[in-house]
C-alpha cells in the first residue's frame, strides 16, 4: 500500500480508485492508499516454541469456554440483556440488576398495599399528627389530632397551651394568642388522650419518629410517659411505594416526599392543610390510595 506521493516518486501511475485510507492528525487527515500487486511477496512465519505453547494453552481454554453454556447467567431471563463480559457478574438469579430491582420493588409494593389494607380494617389503629414549636429536640407539642383509620372518626383534636412562653418567630404554626390562651394545657389534654392511646394497638403517622419524639418529650415535661404502642411510619413506606431514587450512586435508597406532595402524586382529594386534623385526614386518604393501586406504581407526572 502506497500513498499517491510515493507512487509519483517511483514513477508509477496513480490508479483511479484508492484501495484504502489511513487517518493522521495533521492535515490532510485522510491519506489515500493504493495497492500494488507487483510488490506482493510470500511470507512465512515460524513461531518460537514458547509462543506456540502459549497459543496452544490459550486455544484450549477458548475451546472450554465456547463449549460451556453461559446462557443461564449471561443473559437476563426477562429483558434478554447480555453483559459484555461473561465474568462481570452482572446477572444474578437469571436477572440483570434492573429487572432484579423491579422484581424486588414489586414485592415491596405488594407488601405495602397489604399493610395499608390491614391498617384500614384495624379498629385499634389510629392516625396521629402533631404541630410543634419547632424541629429541635426541646420543642413541645402545641396541637394534637387523633383519627380512627377504620371509620374516619376524629377521636381528638385540640390546641395545647405550653407551660412556658414561646417565641412564635421560631414556631412552625402561628396561632392567635386568644385561641392559645383558651386552649388546655398538656396535662389537661392528657386526661383525654391517654384512654384513646391505651385503647389502641398501632399508631400510624407521617414521619412517625418526629411525632413520637416530640410527644414523648412533651409528656416527660409533665411527668407522663407514653404507653407501649407500635408506631408505623407512613412516610417511609410511601417513599418505597413511589420509588424516587435519592441518588444515582445509591439505587436502593428512596427520597422522602412531603404529605402534600404525596397526596398530589396520588391524586387524592384534599385542600390546604392548615392544622393537624386536616393532616390526619389527608394521611388516611393516602392510605386508601396505596391500598387501591393493586401493587402498581402510579406516577402522577405521567
Protein backbone atom coordinates (compact mmCIF):
# COMPACT_ATOMS: atom_id res chain seq x y z
CA UNK A 1 0.00 0.00 0.00
CA UNK A 2 1.49 3.33 -1.09
CA UNK A 3 0.23 6.91 -0.90
CA UNK A 4 -0.14 8.89 -4.10
CA UNK A 5 3.01 10.93 -3.48
CA UNK A 6 5.16 7.84 -3.17
CA UNK A 7 3.75 6.39 -6.41
CA UNK A 8 4.68 9.58 -8.26
CA UNK A 9 8.17 9.41 -6.78
CA UNK A 10 8.54 5.82 -8.03
CA UNK A 11 7.32 6.85 -11.46
CA UNK A 12 4.12 4.83 -11.37
CA UNK A 13 0.62 5.78 -12.39
CA UNK A 14 -1.97 6.61 -9.75
CA UNK A 15 -4.98 4.27 -10.08
CA UNK A 16 -8.37 5.97 -10.49
CA UNK A 17 -9.71 4.37 -7.28
CA UNK A 18 -8.00 4.10 -3.91
CA UNK A 19 -7.79 0.72 -2.15
CA UNK A 20 -7.66 2.06 1.39
CA UNK A 21 -7.09 5.05 3.61
CA UNK A 22 -5.44 5.96 6.89
CA UNK A 23 -6.16 8.76 9.36
CA UNK A 24 -3.43 11.15 10.52
CA UNK A 25 -3.53 14.07 12.93
CA UNK A 26 -2.11 16.68 10.59
CA UNK A 27 -3.93 17.88 7.53
CA UNK A 28 -4.95 16.40 5.21
CA UNK A 29 -6.31 14.00 7.81
CA UNK A 30 -7.21 11.19 5.40
CA UNK A 31 -4.31 9.62 3.49
CA UNK A 32 -5.44 7.62 0.47
CA UNK A 33 -3.52 4.37 -0.18
CA UNK A 34 -3.15 2.30 -3.33
CA UNK A 35 -2.38 -1.40 -3.65
CA UNK A 36 0.45 -2.57 -5.95
CA UNK A 37 0.32 -6.25 -6.90
CA UNK A 38 3.92 -6.20 -8.18
CA UNK A 39 5.23 -5.90 -4.64
CA UNK A 40 3.50 -8.99 -3.33
CA UNK A 41 6.00 -11.37 -1.73
CA UNK A 42 5.44 -14.71 0.00
CA UNK A 43 5.65 -14.50 3.79
CA UNK A 44 6.39 -17.33 6.14
CA UNK A 45 6.41 -17.19 9.93
CA UNK A 46 7.75 -19.85 12.24
CA UNK A 47 6.79 -19.02 15.86
CA UNK A 48 9.16 -19.92 18.64
CA UNK A 49 8.34 -22.98 20.76
CA UNK A 50 7.46 -20.73 23.71
CA UNK A 51 4.90 -18.76 21.69
CA UNK A 52 3.49 -21.97 20.23
CA UNK A 53 2.86 -23.41 23.72
CA UNK A 54 1.20 -20.19 24.84
CA UNK A 55 -1.06 -20.21 21.80
CA UNK A 56 -1.99 -23.85 22.40
CA UNK A 57 -2.90 -23.15 26.04
CA UNK A 58 -4.96 -20.13 25.00
CA UNK A 59 -6.75 -22.18 22.36
CA UNK A 60 -7.51 -24.93 24.92
CA UNK A 61 -9.21 -22.53 27.36
CA UNK A 62 -11.01 -20.79 24.50
CA UNK A 63 -12.49 -24.14 23.47
CA UNK A 64 -13.52 -24.89 27.05
CA UNK A 65 -15.24 -21.51 27.24
CA UNK A 66 -17.01 -22.00 23.91
CA UNK A 67 -18.23 -25.46 24.90
CA UNK A 68 -19.65 -24.26 28.25
CA UNK A 69 -23.18 -22.86 28.31
CA UNK A 70 -23.16 -19.43 29.97
CA UNK A 71 -26.69 -18.55 28.87
CA UNK A 72 -28.23 -19.02 32.32
CA UNK A 73 -26.30 -16.16 33.83
CA UNK A 74 -25.01 -14.11 30.92
CA UNK A 75 -28.48 -13.23 29.57
CA UNK A 76 -31.39 -11.81 31.58
CA UNK A 77 -34.42 -14.09 31.52
CA UNK A 78 -36.82 -11.10 31.38
CA UNK A 79 -35.30 -8.40 29.17
CA UNK A 80 -32.68 -10.52 27.40
CA UNK A 81 -29.80 -8.22 28.36
CA UNK A 82 -26.38 -9.84 27.96
CA UNK A 83 -23.30 -8.34 29.67
CA UNK A 84 -20.25 -7.62 27.56
CA UNK A 85 -18.12 -9.87 29.79
CA UNK A 86 -19.33 -13.31 30.99
CA UNK A 87 -17.24 -12.88 34.17
CA UNK A 88 -18.62 -9.44 35.04
CA UNK A 89 -21.16 -10.93 37.48
CA UNK A 90 -23.96 -8.62 36.37
CA UNK A 91 -26.53 -11.41 36.09
CA UNK A 92 -27.79 -12.90 39.35
CA UNK A 93 -30.58 -15.46 39.69
CA UNK A 94 -31.06 -15.21 35.94
CA UNK A 95 -31.86 -11.46 36.09
CA UNK A 96 -29.94 -8.28 35.37
CA UNK A 97 -29.71 -5.57 38.00
CA UNK A 98 -32.59 -3.56 36.57
CA UNK A 99 -35.01 -6.49 36.36
CA UNK A 100 -33.92 -7.74 39.79
CA UNK A 101 -34.61 -4.29 41.26
CA UNK A 102 -38.03 -4.20 39.58
CA UNK A 103 -38.87 -7.64 40.94
CA UNK A 104 -37.81 -6.79 44.50
CA UNK A 105 -39.53 -3.40 44.37
CA UNK A 106 -42.74 -5.00 43.10
CA UNK A 107 -42.75 -7.37 46.07
CA UNK A 108 -42.24 -4.46 48.49
CA UNK A 109 -45.11 -2.54 46.89
CA UNK A 110 -47.38 -5.56 47.29
CA UNK A 111 -46.41 -5.73 50.98
CA UNK A 112 -47.18 -2.01 51.40
CA UNK A 113 -50.55 -2.46 49.72
CA UNK A 114 -51.46 -5.35 52.04
CA UNK A 115 -50.22 -3.36 55.04
CA UNK A 116 -52.43 -0.38 54.08
CA UNK A 117 -55.45 -2.64 53.64
CA UNK A 118 -54.89 -4.18 57.06
CA UNK A 119 -54.49 -0.76 58.72
CA UNK A 120 -57.75 0.49 57.21
CA UNK A 121 -59.58 -2.52 58.63
CA UNK A 122 -57.95 -2.40 62.07
CA UNK A 123 -60.34 -0.95 64.65
CA UNK A 124 -57.49 -0.38 67.09
CA UNK A 125 -55.26 1.61 64.72
CA UNK A 126 -55.22 5.42 64.84
CA UNK A 127 -53.57 8.15 62.80
CA UNK A 128 -51.67 10.78 64.79
CA UNK A 129 -50.32 14.19 63.88
CA UNK A 130 -48.85 16.99 65.93
CA UNK A 131 -47.88 20.61 65.48
CA UNK A 132 -44.85 21.71 67.46
CA UNK A 133 -42.99 24.90 68.29
CA UNK A 134 -40.09 23.83 66.07
CA UNK A 135 -37.97 20.95 64.84
CA UNK A 136 -35.42 20.78 67.65
CA UNK A 137 -35.30 18.16 70.39
CA UNK A 138 -36.56 20.56 73.09
CA UNK A 139 -39.60 21.80 71.16
CA UNK A 140 -43.01 20.84 72.52
CA UNK A 141 -46.39 19.91 71.11
CA UNK A 142 -48.91 22.72 70.69
CA UNK A 143 -51.57 20.81 68.71
CA UNK A 144 -52.61 17.15 68.60
CA UNK A 145 -55.04 15.22 66.39
CA UNK A 146 -56.06 11.54 66.54
CA UNK A 147 -58.14 9.84 63.83
CA UNK A 148 -59.57 6.33 63.65
CA UNK A 149 -58.36 4.57 60.48
CA UNK A 150 -61.32 2.20 60.23
CA UNK A 151 -64.28 4.63 60.42
CA UNK A 152 -62.65 8.08 59.86
CA UNK A 153 -63.81 9.36 63.26
CA UNK A 154 -61.81 12.27 64.64
CA UNK A 155 -61.11 10.94 68.12
CA UNK A 156 -59.31 14.02 69.43
CA UNK A 157 -58.22 17.41 68.17
CA UNK A 158 -57.17 20.42 70.20
CA UNK A 159 -54.60 23.14 70.57
CA UNK A 160 -52.34 22.66 73.60
CA UNK A 161 -51.14 25.61 75.65
CA UNK A 162 -47.47 25.19 76.56
CA UNK A 163 -46.31 25.71 80.12
CA UNK A 164 -43.85 28.45 79.22
CA UNK A 165 -43.76 31.41 76.84
CA UNK A 166 -42.94 30.55 73.23
CA UNK A 167 -41.05 32.58 70.70
CA UNK A 168 -43.58 32.50 67.88
CA UNK A 169 -40.92 33.62 65.43
CA UNK A 170 -39.50 30.10 65.55
CA UNK A 171 -42.85 28.27 65.77
CA UNK A 172 -43.96 26.03 62.91
CA UNK A 173 -47.51 27.30 63.22
CA UNK A 174 -48.67 30.76 64.19
CA UNK A 175 -51.73 30.61 66.44
CA UNK A 176 -53.52 33.75 67.68
CA UNK A 177 -52.88 34.43 71.34
CA UNK A 178 -56.61 34.43 72.10
CA UNK A 179 -57.02 30.84 70.86
CA UNK A 180 -53.89 29.66 72.64
CA UNK A 181 -54.90 31.20 75.98
CA UNK A 182 -58.21 29.32 75.88
CA UNK A 183 -56.57 26.01 74.91
CA UNK A 184 -55.97 23.33 77.59
CA UNK A 185 -52.52 22.58 78.91
CA UNK A 186 -50.85 19.29 78.06
CA UNK A 187 -51.70 17.92 81.50
CA UNK A 188 -55.39 18.66 80.93
CA UNK A 189 -55.34 17.26 77.39
CA UNK A 190 -53.50 14.13 78.56
CA UNK A 191 -56.52 13.02 80.56
CA UNK A 192 -58.49 12.71 77.30
CA UNK A 193 -55.63 11.47 75.10
CA UNK A 194 -54.34 8.67 77.36
CA UNK A 195 -57.51 6.50 77.24
CA UNK A 196 -57.51 6.72 73.42
CA UNK A 197 -53.86 5.65 73.25
CA UNK A 198 -54.38 2.80 75.73
CA UNK A 199 -57.32 1.52 73.70
CA UNK A 200 -55.18 1.45 70.55
CA UNK A 201 -52.58 -1.06 69.40
CA UNK A 202 -50.95 0.77 66.47
CA UNK A 203 -50.22 4.43 65.79
CA UNK A 204 -49.63 5.49 62.20
CA UNK A 205 -48.06 8.83 61.48
CA UNK A 206 -46.43 10.61 58.58
CA UNK A 207 -42.84 10.92 59.86
CA UNK A 208 -43.53 8.83 62.94
CA UNK A 209 -40.08 9.26 64.50
CA UNK A 210 -40.51 13.02 64.73
CA UNK A 211 -44.05 12.97 66.16
CA UNK A 212 -43.24 10.23 68.68
CA UNK A 213 -40.12 12.03 69.91
CA UNK A 214 -41.89 15.39 70.32
CA UNK A 215 -44.92 13.82 72.03
CA UNK A 216 -42.73 11.78 74.39
CA UNK A 217 -40.62 14.83 75.25
CA UNK A 218 -43.68 16.97 75.99
CA UNK A 219 -45.19 14.21 78.14
CA UNK A 220 -42.00 13.93 80.19
CA UNK A 221 -42.12 17.65 80.94
CA UNK A 222 -45.38 16.95 82.82
CA UNK A 223 -44.25 13.71 84.41
CA UNK A 224 -46.12 11.41 82.00
CA UNK A 225 -44.94 8.54 79.85
CA UNK A 226 -46.28 7.25 76.54
CA UNK A 227 -47.90 3.80 76.75
CA UNK A 228 -46.11 0.98 74.90
CA UNK A 229 -47.54 1.10 71.41
CA UNK A 230 -46.42 0.03 67.95
CA UNK A 231 -45.60 3.01 65.77
CA UNK A 232 -45.77 2.74 61.97
CA UNK A 233 -44.37 5.37 59.62
CA UNK A 234 -46.44 6.14 56.54
CA UNK A 235 -43.76 8.42 55.10
CA UNK A 236 -41.05 5.74 54.81
CA UNK A 237 -43.49 3.26 53.29
CA UNK A 238 -44.69 5.77 50.74
CA UNK A 239 -41.07 6.54 49.80
CA UNK A 240 -40.65 2.88 48.82
CA UNK A 241 -44.02 2.86 47.04
CA UNK A 242 -43.23 5.96 44.96
CA UNK A 243 -39.62 4.80 44.42
CA UNK A 244 -37.95 8.09 43.59
CA UNK A 245 -34.18 7.43 43.89
CA UNK A 246 -32.42 9.59 46.42
CA UNK A 247 -29.14 9.48 44.45
CA UNK A 248 -27.72 7.75 41.39
CA UNK A 249 -24.95 6.10 43.42
CA UNK A 250 -27.49 4.58 45.86
CA UNK A 251 -30.19 2.97 43.69
CA UNK A 252 -31.87 1.23 46.61
CA UNK A 253 -32.35 4.44 48.61
CA UNK A 254 -35.58 6.37 48.02
CA UNK A 255 -36.29 10.02 48.72
CA UNK A 256 -38.98 11.08 51.18
CA UNK A 257 -41.98 13.06 49.96
CA UNK A 258 -43.92 15.62 51.94
CA UNK A 259 -47.53 14.76 52.80
CA UNK A 260 -48.79 17.50 50.47
CA UNK A 261 -46.65 16.21 47.61
CA UNK A 262 -47.64 12.58 48.24
CA UNK A 263 -51.34 13.47 48.10
CA UNK A 264 -50.78 15.38 44.87
CA UNK A 265 -48.88 12.48 43.32
CA UNK A 266 -51.67 10.04 44.14
CA UNK A 267 -54.46 12.45 43.08
CA UNK A 268 -56.21 12.23 46.44
CA UNK A 269 -58.81 14.90 47.05
CA UNK A 270 -57.59 17.45 49.52
CA UNK A 271 -57.39 21.08 50.45
CA UNK A 272 -54.96 23.37 52.17
CA UNK A 273 -53.87 21.53 55.31
CA UNK A 274 -53.83 24.23 57.95
CA UNK A 275 -53.91 22.16 61.11
CA UNK A 276 -53.23 18.68 62.49
CA UNK A 277 -56.79 17.44 61.95
CA UNK A 278 -56.52 18.04 58.21
CA UNK A 279 -53.14 16.29 58.20
CA UNK A 280 -54.53 13.06 59.64
CA UNK A 281 -57.46 13.14 57.20
CA UNK A 282 -55.05 13.59 54.30
CA UNK A 283 -52.93 10.72 55.63
CA UNK A 284 -55.96 8.43 55.64
CA UNK A 285 -56.77 9.36 52.05
CA UNK A 286 -53.20 8.48 51.15
CA UNK A 287 -53.59 5.11 52.89
CA UNK A 288 -56.68 4.39 50.78
CA UNK A 289 -54.77 5.32 47.63
CA UNK A 290 -51.99 2.87 48.49
CA UNK A 291 -54.50 0.12 49.25
CA UNK A 292 -56.32 0.55 45.92
CA UNK A 293 -53.40 0.62 43.50
CA UNK A 294 -53.19 -3.16 43.10
CA UNK A 295 -49.48 -3.01 43.78
CA UNK A 296 -48.72 -0.84 40.74
CA UNK A 297 -46.53 2.27 40.73
CA UNK A 298 -48.71 5.25 39.85
CA UNK A 299 -46.64 8.25 38.87
CA UNK A 300 -48.73 11.42 38.69
CA UNK A 301 -46.21 13.05 36.34
CA UNK A 302 -47.11 10.63 33.55
